[in-house]
Amino acid sequence: MKERPAFSTGPISFTTTLGQQVFIPLPDLYYDTSGTTLRTDRYPASTHPEYAQLAPYLSRLMASGALFAGPESSAKPAFKATALTVGSTGLLITIAISKVMPDNVTPANSLADFTVTETETFTGLTKDTLIPTLGSSGNTASILFVSSAGPKMPDTGSTVILTTTAGNPWTADIKQKDGTTIAFSLTSRGKSDASDATATKVTATISAVTATTFTLTVSYTKTITAQSITAQSTSFSMILTIVPVPPAGSFLAPAEGTITLVGGSDGLSIATTPASAVALSSP
């Protein structure tokens, strides 16, 4: 029996024994002969033991009709994308796929345009919480980290484009209200390559500045055109990983459209998790 999608009115919500409310996106569930099952490749038991509590809850939802199996899909998974930035609050990651030219002999050689966008919004920051939030070295909390000591309050209403040269990270100085003195410096967790000079834009925007707080919005956009799916899979290494999905074991030509990565969770009583998405193949 082929697996079938799980249908409901929205994401599945349940509370773990540790007291954390968890939301499971419907694409992370599937229906087969054993019933509705969580995709363990996205939630391995070694790092997500709390999800073992989910199975009996899913059975009750199935029995009540609140969760049910949809029709079998003719499309196969083309690839799986997983974010490097963990969590969900204030985070949006999308992959826009266009101009797909399938290669029916070697699907992994199919050509396509990819545009990957990540937007992070950090509200209510202070000069004292900036480093604890973003970190002072490359990490999974953000694309950027604070690369200067003793941050000061920034000026408001400004957008700074981070700059780079091939083989080096993106950097920028955020200024104080006088427009000259540096409030703090930002550096990317990854380094640029030869394509980034024209393909990638990284910005930092300061807004909603009060006497003690401000909002930081980080934006990353990169477009790679007319490349094979294999080549695209390594073109966005600062933002996400792209891998084949079993049982195919190799990349397939994806369907055109925009994919939003979902399923990330913030760290409360359990570890944070990254968002992910599976792109379906073109017909």
C-alpha atoms as a PDB file:
ATOM      1  CA  MET A   1       0.000   0.000   0.000  1.00  0.00           C
ATOM      2  CA  LYS A   2       1.345   3.425  -0.917  1.00  0.00           C
ATOM      3  CA  GLU A   3       1.467   5.991   1.836  1.00  0.00           C
ATOM      4  CA  ARG A   4      -1.326   8.546   1.835  1.00  0.00           C
ATOM      5  CA  PRO A   5      -1.368  12.089   3.229  1.00  0.00           C
ATOM      6  CA  ALA A   6      -2.970  12.804   6.588  1.00  0.00           C
ATOM      7  CA  PHE A   7      -5.827  15.320   6.488  1.00  0.00           C
ATOM      8  CA  SER A   8      -7.296  17.450   9.283  1.00  0.00           C
ATOM      9  CA  THR A   9      -8.490  21.008   9.872  1.00  0.00           C
ATOM     10  CA  GLY A  10      -4.975  22.195  10.766  1.00  0.00           C
ATOM     11  CA  PRO A  11      -1.709  21.225  12.456  1.00  0.00           C
ATOM     12  CA  ILE A  12      -1.927  18.575  15.164  1.00  0.00           C
ATOM     13  CA  SER A  13      -1.366  19.987  18.644  1.00  0.00           C
ATOM     14  CA  PHE A  14      -0.571  17.987  21.748  1.00  0.00           C
ATOM     15  CA  THR A  15       1.077  18.559  25.136  1.00  0.00           C
ATOM     16  CA  THR A  16       4.032  16.408  26.185  1.00  0.00           C
ATOM     17  CA  THR A  17       4.559  15.052  29.681  1.00  0.00           C
ATOM     18  CA  LEU A  18       7.188  17.786  30.053  1.00  0.00           C
ATOM     19  CA  GLY A  19       4.434  20.358  29.651  1.00  0.00           C
ATOM     20  CA  GLN A  20       5.362  21.704  26.225  1.00  0.00           C
ATOM     21  CA  GLN A  21       2.706  22.248  23.605  1.00  0.00           C
ATOM     22  CA  VAL A  22       3.927  20.875  20.268  1.00  0.00           C
ATOM     23  CA  PHE A  23       2.454  21.502  16.826  1.00  0.00           C
ATOM     24  CA  ILE A  24       2.904  18.850  14.123  1.00  0.00           C
ATOM     25  CA  PRO A  25       2.402  20.097  10.533  1.00  0.00           C
ATOM     26  CA  LEU A  26       0.230  17.711   8.523  1.00  0.00           C
ATOM     27  CA  PRO A  27       3.020  17.050   5.942  1.00  0.00           C
ATOM     28  CA  ASP A  28       5.001  15.504   8.805  1.00  0.00           C
ATOM     29  CA  LEU A  29       2.367  12.775   9.132  1.00  0.00           C
ATOM     30  CA  TYR A  30       1.372  10.036   6.713  1.00  0.00           C
ATOM     31  CA  TYR A  31      -1.087   7.143   6.614  1.00  0.00           C
ATOM     32  CA  ASP A  32      -0.187   3.536   5.800  1.00  0.00           C
ATOM     33  CA  THR A  33      -1.368   0.062   6.830  1.00  0.00           C
ATOM     34  CA  SER A  34      -0.413   0.760  10.458  1.00  0.00           C
ATOM     35  CA  GLY A  35      -2.452   3.959  10.646  1.00  0.00           C
ATOM     36  CA  THR A  36      -1.269   7.560  10.835  1.00  0.00           C
ATOM     37  CA  THR A  37       2.453   7.785  11.554  1.00  0.00           C
ATOM     38  CA  LEU A  38       4.959  10.527  12.300  1.00  0.00           C
ATOM     39  CA  ARG A  39       7.834  10.832   9.834  1.00  0.00           C
ATOM     40  CA  THR A  40      10.710   9.599  11.964  1.00  0.00           C
ATOM     41  CA  ASP A  41      13.314  10.929   9.530  1.00  0.00           C
ATOM     42  CA  ARG A  42      12.208  14.417  10.616  1.00  0.00           C
ATOM     43  CA  TYR A  43      11.744  13.527  14.295  1.00  0.00           C
ATOM     44  CA  PRO A  44      14.296  10.812  15.181  1.00  0.00           C
ATOM     45  CA  ALA A  45      13.636   9.128  18.523  1.00  0.00           C
ATOM     46  CA  SER A  46      17.218   9.789  19.625  1.00  0.00           C
ATOM     47  CA  THR A  47      16.641  13.542  19.709  1.00  0.00           C
ATOM     48  CA  HIS A  48      12.842  13.674  20.067  1.00  0.00           C
ATOM     49  CA  PRO A  49      11.857  10.995  22.604  1.00  0.00           C
ATOM     50  CA  GLU A  50       8.805  13.023  23.602  1.00  0.00           C
ATOM     51  CA  TYR A  51       7.120  12.180  20.280  1.00  0.00           C
ATOM     52  CA  ALA A  52       6.704   8.566  21.399  1.00  0.00           C
ATOM     53  CA  GLN A  53       3.677   9.909  23.286  1.00  0.00           C
ATOM     54  CA  LEU A  54       2.043  10.947  20.020  1.00  0.00           C
ATOM     55  CA  ALA A  55       0.962   7.548  18.622  1.00  0.00           C
ATOM     56  CA  PRO A  56      -2.013   6.867  20.956  1.00  0.00           C
ATOM     57  CA  TYR A  57      -3.203  10.441  20.506  1.00  0.00           C
ATOM     58  CA  LEU A  58      -3.160  10.051  16.715  1.00  0.00           C
ATOM     59  CA  SER A  59      -5.166   6.825  17.050  1.00  0.00           C
ATOM     60  CA  ARG A  60      -7.844   8.658  19.040  1.00  0.00           C
ATOM     61  CA  LEU A  61      -7.991  11.440  16.453  1.00  0.00           C
ATOM     62  CA  MET A  62      -8.380   8.849  13.673  1.00  0.00           C
ATOM     63  CA  ALA A  63     -11.154   7.082  15.570  1.00  0.00           C
ATOM     64  CA  SER A  64     -13.044  10.343  16.076  1.00  0.00           C
ATOM     65  CA  GLY A  65     -12.708  11.379  12.433  1.00  0.00           C
ATOM     66  CA  ALA A  66     -10.725  14.512  13.319  1.00  0.00           C
ATOM     67  CA  LEU A  67      -7.753  13.041  11.425  1.00  0.00           C
ATOM     68  CA  PHE A  68      -8.178  10.962   8.295  1.00  0.00           C
ATOM     69  CA  ALA A  69      -6.295   9.609   5.284  1.00  0.00           C
ATOM     70  CA  GLY A  70      -6.366  11.456   1.988  1.00  0.00           C
ATOM     71  CA  PRO A  71      -6.046   9.960  -1.500  1.00  0.00           C
ATOM     72  CA  GLU A  72      -2.807   8.437  -2.695  1.00  0.00           C
ATOM     73  CA  SER A  73      -0.535  11.005  -4.307  1.00  0.00           C
ATOM     74  CA  SER A  74       0.881  10.398  -7.783  1.00  0.00           C
ATOM     75  CA  ALA A  75       3.784  12.778  -7.107  1.00  0.00           C
ATOM     76  CA  LYS A  76       6.943  11.499  -5.427  1.00  0.00           C
ATOM     77  CA  PRO A  77       9.173  13.540  -3.100  1.00  0.00           C
ATOM     78  CA  ALA A  78      11.802  15.398  -5.148  1.00  0.00           C
ATOM     79  CA  PHE A  79      13.971  16.444  -2.189  1.00  0.00           C
ATOM     80  CA  LYS A  80      13.862  17.412   1.482  1.00  0.00           C
ATOM     81  CA  ALA A  81      15.067  20.809   2.729  1.00  0.00           C
ATOM     82  CA  THR A  82      15.923  21.426   6.394  1.00  0.00           C
ATOM     83  CA  ALA A  83      16.747  24.810   7.923  1.00  0.00           C
ATOM     84  CA  LEU A  84      20.003  25.471   9.765  1.00  0.00           C
ATOM     85  CA  THR A  85      18.361  28.173  11.879  1.00  0.00           C
ATOM     86  CA  VAL A  86      16.312  26.446  14.575  1.00  0.00           C
ATOM     87  CA  GLY A  87      13.030  27.526  16.128  1.00  0.00           C
ATOM     88  CA  SER A  88       9.869  29.037  14.675  1.00  0.00           C
ATOM     89  CA  THR A  89       9.071  32.400  16.294  1.00  0.00           C
ATOM     90  CA  GLY A  90       9.852  35.259  13.925  1.00  0.00           C
ATOM     91  CA  LEU A  91      11.366  32.901  11.334  1.00  0.00           C
ATOM     92  CA  LEU A  92      10.201  32.440   7.738  1.00  0.00           C
ATOM     93  CA  ILE A  93      12.104  30.380   5.144  1.00  0.00           C
ATOM     94  CA  THR A  94      10.871  29.801   1.602  1.00  0.00           C
ATOM     95  CA  ILE A  95      12.150  28.143  -1.578  1.00  0.00           C
ATOM     96  CA  ALA A  96      10.703  29.472  -4.847  1.00  0.00           C
ATOM     97  CA  ILE A  97      11.180  27.000  -7.717  1.00  0.00           C
ATOM     98  CA  SER A  98      10.643  28.023 -11.334  1.00  0.00           C
ATOM     99  CA  LYS A  99      11.669  27.272 -14.931  1.00  0.00           C
ATOM    100  CA  VAL A 100      11.989  23.540 -14.288  1.00  0.00           C
ATOM    101  CA  MET A 101      13.406  21.559 -17.236  1.00  0.00           C
ATOM    102  CA  PRO A 102      13.043  17.846 -16.361  1.00  0.00           C
ATOM    103  CA  ASP A 103      15.684  15.324 -17.392  1.00  0.00           C
ATOM    104  CA  ASN A 104      13.788  12.051 -17.719  1.00  0.00           C
ATOM    105  CA  VAL A 105      16.973   9.995 -18.095  1.00  0.00           C
ATOM    106  CA  THR A 106      18.808  11.410 -15.067  1.00  0.00           C
ATOM    107  CA  PRO A 107      16.272  13.324 -12.945  1.00  0.00           C
ATOM    108  CA  ALA A 108      18.975  14.752 -10.661  1.00  0.00           C
ATOM    109  CA  ASN A 109      20.300  16.619 -13.714  1.00  0.00           C
ATOM    110  CA  SER A 110      16.968  18.409 -14.206  1.00  0.00           C
ATOM    111  CA  LEU A 111      17.449  22.171 -14.383  1.00  0.00           C
ATOM    112  CA  ALA A 112      15.589  24.761 -12.324  1.00  0.00           C
ATOM    113  CA  ASP A 113      15.791  28.252 -10.844  1.00  0.00           C
ATOM    114  CA  PHE A 114      15.852  28.373  -7.035  1.00  0.00           C
ATOM    115  CA  THR A 115      15.330  31.462  -4.868  1.00  0.00           C
ATOM    116  CA  VAL A 116      15.830  30.848  -1.147  1.00  0.00           C
ATOM    117  CA  THR A 117      14.699  33.518   1.308  1.00  0.00           C
ATOM    118  CA  GLU A 118      15.107  33.577   5.082  1.00  0.00           C
ATOM    119  CA  THR A 119      13.633  36.356   7.214  1.00  0.00           C
ATOM    120  CA  GLU A 120      14.267  36.554  10.949  1.00  0.00           C
ATOM    121  CA  THR A 121      12.534  39.074  13.223  1.00  0.00           C
ATOM    122  CA  PHE A 122      13.784  39.690  16.760  1.00  0.00           C
ATOM    123  CA  THR A 123      11.509  41.997  18.750  1.00  0.00           C
ATOM    124  CA  GLY A 124      12.068  43.626  22.125  1.00  0.00           C
ATOM    125  CA  LEU A 125      15.853  43.372  21.999  1.00  0.00           C
ATOM    126  CA  THR A 126      18.010  45.420  24.367  1.00  0.00           C
ATOM    127  CA  LYS A 127      21.730  46.105  24.255  1.00  0.00           C
ATOM    128  CA  ASP A 128      22.102  43.502  27.010  1.00  0.00           C
ATOM    129  CA  THR A 129      20.008  40.755  25.354  1.00  0.00           C
ATOM    130  CA  LEU A 130      21.394  41.163  21.833  1.00  0.00           C
ATOM    131  CA  ILE A 131      24.416  38.864  22.295  1.00  0.00           C
ATOM    132  CA  PRO A 132      22.519  36.206  24.316  1.00  0.00           C
ATOM    133  CA  THR A 133      19.918  36.146  21.510  1.00  0.00           C
ATOM    134  CA  LEU A 134      22.149  36.120  18.420  1.00  0.00           C
ATOM    135  CA  GLY A 135      25.331  34.785  19.971  1.00  0.00           C
ATOM    136  CA  SER A 136      28.910  36.008  19.595  1.00  0.00           C
ATOM    137  CA  SER A 137      29.997  33.313  17.132  1.00  0.00           C
ATOM    138  CA  GLY A 138      28.379  31.284  14.344  1.00  0.00           C
ATOM    139  CA  ASN A 139      25.410  29.266  15.625  1.00  0.00           C
ATOM    140  CA  THR A 140      21.894  28.108  14.762  1.00  0.00           C
ATOM    141  CA  ALA A 141      20.055  31.026  16.422  1.00  0.00           C
ATOM    142  CA  SER A 142      20.398  33.320  13.406  1.00  0.00           C
ATOM    143  CA  ILE A 143      22.160  33.828  10.094  1.00  0.00           C
ATOM    144  CA  LEU A 144      24.111  36.594  11.861  1.00  0.00           C
ATOM    145  CA  PHE A 145      25.954  36.899  15.139  1.00  0.00           C
ATOM    146  CA  VAL A 146      27.287  39.898  17.083  1.00  0.00           C
ATOM    147  CA  SER A 147      31.000  40.313  16.383  1.00  0.00           C
ATOM    148  CA  SER A 148      31.692  43.287  18.666  1.00  0.00           C
ATOM    149  CA  ALA A 149      31.786  43.640  22.442  1.00  0.00           C
ATOM    150  CA  GLY A 150      29.561  45.874  24.549  1.00  0.00           C
ATOM    151  CA  PRO A 151      26.631  46.621  22.191  1.00  0.00           C
ATOM    152  CA  LYS A 152      24.999  50.041  22.398  1.00  0.00           C
ATOM    153  CA  MET A 153      21.503  51.180  21.372  1.00  0.00           C
ATOM    154  CA  PRO A 154      21.205  51.587  17.576  1.00  0.00           C
ATOM    155  CA  ASP A 155      19.581  54.299  15.496  1.00  0.00           C
ATOM    156  CA  THR A 156      16.095  53.563  14.167  1.00  0.00           C
ATOM    157  CA  GLY A 157      14.654  53.188  10.686  1.00  0.00           C
ATOM    158  CA  SER A 158      17.820  52.076   8.943  1.00  0.00           C
ATOM    159  CA  THR A 159      18.527  49.109   6.664  1.00  0.00           C
ATOM    160  CA  VAL A 160      22.146  48.053   6.232  1.00  0.00           C
ATOM    161  CA  ILE A 161      23.319  45.805   3.392  1.00  0.00           C
ATOM    162  CA  LEU A 162      26.008  43.440   4.599  1.00  0.00           C
ATOM    163  CA  THR A 163      29.058  43.168   2.351  1.00  0.00           C
ATOM    164  CA  THR A 164      31.455  40.335   1.585  1.00  0.00           C
ATOM    165  CA  THR A 165      34.232  39.134  -0.675  1.00  0.00           C
ATOM    166  CA  ALA A 166      34.549  35.567  -1.960  1.00  0.00           C
ATOM    167  CA  GLY A 167      35.630  33.189   0.784  1.00  0.00           C
ATOM    168  CA  ASN A 168      34.744  35.574   3.604  1.00  0.00           C
ATOM    169  CA  PRO A 169      31.627  36.158   5.747  1.00  0.00           C
ATOM    170  CA  TRP A 170      29.165  39.021   5.310  1.00  0.00           C
ATOM    171  CA  THR A 171      29.739  41.905   7.737  1.00  0.00           C
ATOM    172  CA  ALA A 172      28.146  45.229   8.675  1.00  0.00           C
ATOM    173  CA  ASP A 173      28.374  47.904  11.349  1.00  0.00           C
ATOM    174  CA  ILE A 174      25.131  49.175  12.863  1.00  0.00           C
ATOM    175  CA  LYS A 175      25.425  52.835  13.883  1.00  0.00           C
ATOM    176  CA  GLN A 176      24.197  54.727  16.904  1.00  0.00           C
ATOM    177  CA  LYS A 177      21.887  57.732  16.673  1.00  0.00           C
ATOM    178  CA  ASP A 178      24.732  60.108  15.747  1.00  0.00           C
ATOM    179  CA  GLY A 179      25.171  58.132  12.515  1.00  0.00           C
ATOM    180  CA  THR A 180      28.914  57.726  13.081  1.00  0.00           C
ATOM    181  CA  THR A 181      29.597  55.762  16.246  1.00  0.00           C
ATOM    182  CA  ILE A 182      29.212  51.985  15.956  1.00  0.00           C
ATOM    183  CA  ALA A 183      26.472  50.478  18.134  1.00  0.00           C
ATOM    184  CA  PHE A 184      27.430  46.888  17.274  1.00  0.00           C
ATOM    185  CA  SER A 185      28.822  44.810  14.410  1.00  0.00           C
ATOM    186  CA  LEU A 186      27.196  41.817  12.714  1.00  0.00           C
ATOM    187  CA  THR A 187      28.867  38.900  10.916  1.00  0.00           C
ATOM    188  CA  SER A 188      27.336  35.966   9.036  1.00  0.00           C
ATOM    189  CA  ARG A 189      27.794  32.395  10.267  1.00  0.00           C
ATOM    190  CA  GLY A 190      28.785  31.274   6.749  1.00  0.00           C
ATOM    191  CA  LYS A 191      31.192  32.456   4.091  1.00  0.00           C
ATOM    192  CA  SER A 192      30.411  33.602   0.572  1.00  0.00           C
ATOM    193  CA  ASP A 193      31.435  31.900  -2.645  1.00  0.00           C
ATOM    194  CA  ALA A 194      32.061  33.203  -6.152  1.00  0.00           C
ATOM    195  CA  SER A 195      28.351  33.278  -7.023  1.00  0.00           C
ATOM    196  CA  ASP A 196      27.335  35.362  -4.017  1.00  0.00           C
ATOM    197  CA  ALA A 197      28.532  38.719  -5.371  1.00  0.00           C
ATOM    198  CA  THR A 198      25.509  38.889  -7.694  1.00  0.00           C
ATOM    199  CA  ALA A 199      23.242  36.109  -6.372  1.00  0.00           C
ATOM    200  CA  THR A 200      22.931  36.938  -2.680  1.00  0.00           C
ATOM    201  CA  LYS A 201      21.689  39.860  -0.612  1.00  0.00           C
ATOM    202  CA  VAL A 202      21.896  39.997   3.193  1.00  0.00           C
ATOM    203  CA  THR A 203      20.393  42.936   5.097  1.00  0.00           C
ATOM    204  CA  ALA A 204      19.805  44.016   8.697  1.00  0.00           C
ATOM    205  CA  THR A 205      17.003  46.461   9.522  1.00  0.00           C
ATOM    206  CA  ILE A 206      16.590  48.316  12.813  1.00  0.00           C
ATOM    207  CA  SER A 207      13.086  49.490  13.753  1.00  0.00           C
ATOM    208  CA  ALA A 208      10.756  50.191  16.693  1.00  0.00           C
ATOM    209  CA  VAL A 209      13.530  51.786  18.738  1.00  0.00           C
ATOM    210  CA  THR A 210      12.548  53.010  22.210  1.00  0.00           C
ATOM    211  CA  ALA A 211      14.767  54.250  25.034  1.00  0.00           C
ATOM    212  CA  THR A 212      15.765  50.662  25.855  1.00  0.00           C
ATOM    213  CA  THR A 213      14.466  48.268  23.183  1.00  0.00           C
ATOM    214  CA  PHE A 214      14.541  47.753  19.421  1.00  0.00           C
ATOM    215  CA  THR A 215      13.572  45.275  16.692  1.00  0.00           C
ATOM    216  CA  LEU A 216      16.146  43.646  14.399  1.00  0.00           C
ATOM    217  CA  THR A 217      15.027  42.090  11.117  1.00  0.00           C
ATOM    218  CA  VAL A 218      17.557  39.980   9.226  1.00  0.00           C
ATOM    219  CA  SER A 219      16.913  39.086   5.583  1.00  0.00           C
ATOM    220  CA  TYR A 220      18.776  36.698   3.270  1.00  0.00           C
ATOM    221  CA  THR A 221      17.868  36.154  -0.395  1.00  0.00           C
ATOM    222  CA  LYS A 222      19.814  34.110  -2.943  1.00  0.00           C
ATOM    223  CA  THR A 223      18.839  33.168  -6.496  1.00  0.00           C
ATOM    224  CA  ILE A 224      20.612  30.500  -8.552  1.00  0.00           C
ATOM    225  CA  THR A 225      19.319  30.043 -12.110  1.00  0.00           C
ATOM    226  CA  ALA A 226      19.426  27.198 -14.626  1.00  0.00           C
ATOM    227  CA  GLN A 227      21.315  24.728 -12.444  1.00  0.00           C
ATOM    228  CA  SER A 228      20.776  21.019 -11.877  1.00  0.00           C
ATOM    229  CA  ILE A 229      18.976  19.888  -8.732  1.00  0.00           C
ATOM    230  CA  THR A 230      22.255  18.304  -7.607  1.00  0.00           C
ATOM    231  CA  ALA A 231      24.043  21.651  -7.966  1.00  0.00           C
ATOM    232  CA  GLN A 232      21.184  23.544  -6.290  1.00  0.00           C
ATOM    233  CA  SER A 233      21.398  21.204  -3.295  1.00  0.00           C
ATOM    234  CA  THR A 234      24.781  22.678  -2.283  1.00  0.00           C
ATOM    235  CA  SER A 235      24.153  26.308  -3.264  1.00  0.00           C
ATOM    236  CA  PHE A 236      22.460  27.453  -0.038  1.00  0.00           C
ATOM    237  CA  SER A 237      24.632  25.871   2.644  1.00  0.00           C
ATOM    238  CA  MET A 238      24.415  28.900   4.981  1.00  0.00           C
ATOM    239  CA  ILE A 239      20.618  28.552   5.149  1.00  0.00           C
ATOM    240  CA  LEU A 240      19.553  24.936   4.643  1.00  0.00           C
ATOM    241  CA  THR A 241      20.450  21.399   3.662  1.00  0.00           C
ATOM    242  CA  ILE A 242      18.830  19.754   0.641  1.00  0.00           C
ATOM    243  CA  VAL A 243      18.924  15.955   0.409  1.00  0.00           C
ATOM    244  CA  PRO A 244      17.126  13.202  -1.555  1.00  0.00           C
ATOM    245  CA  VAL A 245      14.142  11.510   0.063  1.00  0.00           C
ATOM    246  CA  PRO A 246      13.955   7.708   0.401  1.00  0.00           C
ATOM    247  CA  PRO A 247      12.948   5.421  -1.156  1.00  0.00           C
ATOM    248  CA  ALA A 248      13.958   7.153  -4.408  1.00  0.00           C
ATOM    249  CA  GLY A 249      17.463   7.749  -3.078  1.00  0.00           C
ATOM    250  CA  SER A 250      18.196  10.454  -5.642  1.00  0.00           C
ATOM    251  CA  PHE A 251      16.911  13.888  -6.557  1.00  0.00           C
ATOM    252  CA  LEU A 252      13.858  14.222  -8.808  1.00  0.00           C
ATOM    253  CA  ALA A 253      12.682  17.185 -10.876  1.00  0.00           C
ATOM    254  CA  PRO A 254      10.565  19.311  -8.493  1.00  0.00           C
ATOM    255  CA  ALA A 255       7.232  20.893  -9.254  1.00  0.00           C
ATOM    256  CA  GLU A 256       7.248  24.653  -9.745  1.00  0.00           C
ATOM    257  CA  GLY A 257       5.958  26.793  -6.905  1.00  0.00           C
ATOM    258  CA  THR A 258       6.968  28.183  -3.521  1.00  0.00           C
ATOM    259  CA  ILE A 259       7.690  25.920  -0.552  1.00  0.00           C
ATOM    260  CA  THR A 260       7.575  27.191   3.028  1.00  0.00           C
ATOM    261  CA  LEU A 261       9.612  25.301   5.590  1.00  0.00           C
ATOM    262  CA  VAL A 262       7.509  24.330   8.609  1.00  0.00           C
ATOM    263  CA  GLY A 263       7.733  22.272  11.776  1.00  0.00           C
ATOM    264  CA  GLY A 264      10.422  24.144  13.695  1.00  0.00           C
ATOM    265  CA  SER A 265       9.912  24.594  17.432  1.00  0.00           C
ATOM    266  CA  ASP A 266      11.318  26.988  20.022  1.00  0.00           C
ATOM    267  CA  GLY A 267      13.244  25.688  23.004  1.00  0.00           C
ATOM    268  CA  LEU A 268      11.111  25.559  26.113  1.00  0.00           C
ATOM    269  CA  SER A 269      11.365  22.349  28.101  1.00  0.00           C
ATOM    270  CA  ILE A 270      12.830  20.370  25.189  1.00  0.00           C
ATOM    271  CA  ALA A 271      15.407  21.082  22.508  1.00  0.00           C
ATOM    272  CA  THR A 272      14.691  23.436  19.638  1.00  0.00           C
ATOM    273  CA  THR A 273      14.098  21.919  16.215  1.00  0.00           C
ATOM    274  CA  PRO A 274      14.590  23.281  12.694  1.00  0.00           C
ATOM    275  CA  ALA A 275      11.831  23.712  10.138  1.00  0.00           C
ATOM    276  CA  SER A 276      11.796  21.484   7.051  1.00  0.00           C
ATOM    277  CA  ALA A 277       9.830  20.816   3.880  1.00  0.00           C
ATOM    278  CA  VAL A 278       9.567  18.118   1.229  1.00  0.00           C
ATOM    279  CA  ALA A 279       9.267  19.270  -2.376  1.00  0.00           C
ATOM    280  CA  LEU A 280       7.110  17.087  -4.617  1.00  0.00           C
ATOM    281  CA  SER A 281       8.255  16.053  -8.062  1.00  0.00           C
ATOM    282  CA  SER A 282       6.737  17.471 -11.223  1.00  0.00           C
ATOM    283  CA  PRO A 283       4.163  15.268 -12.985  1.00  0.00           C
END
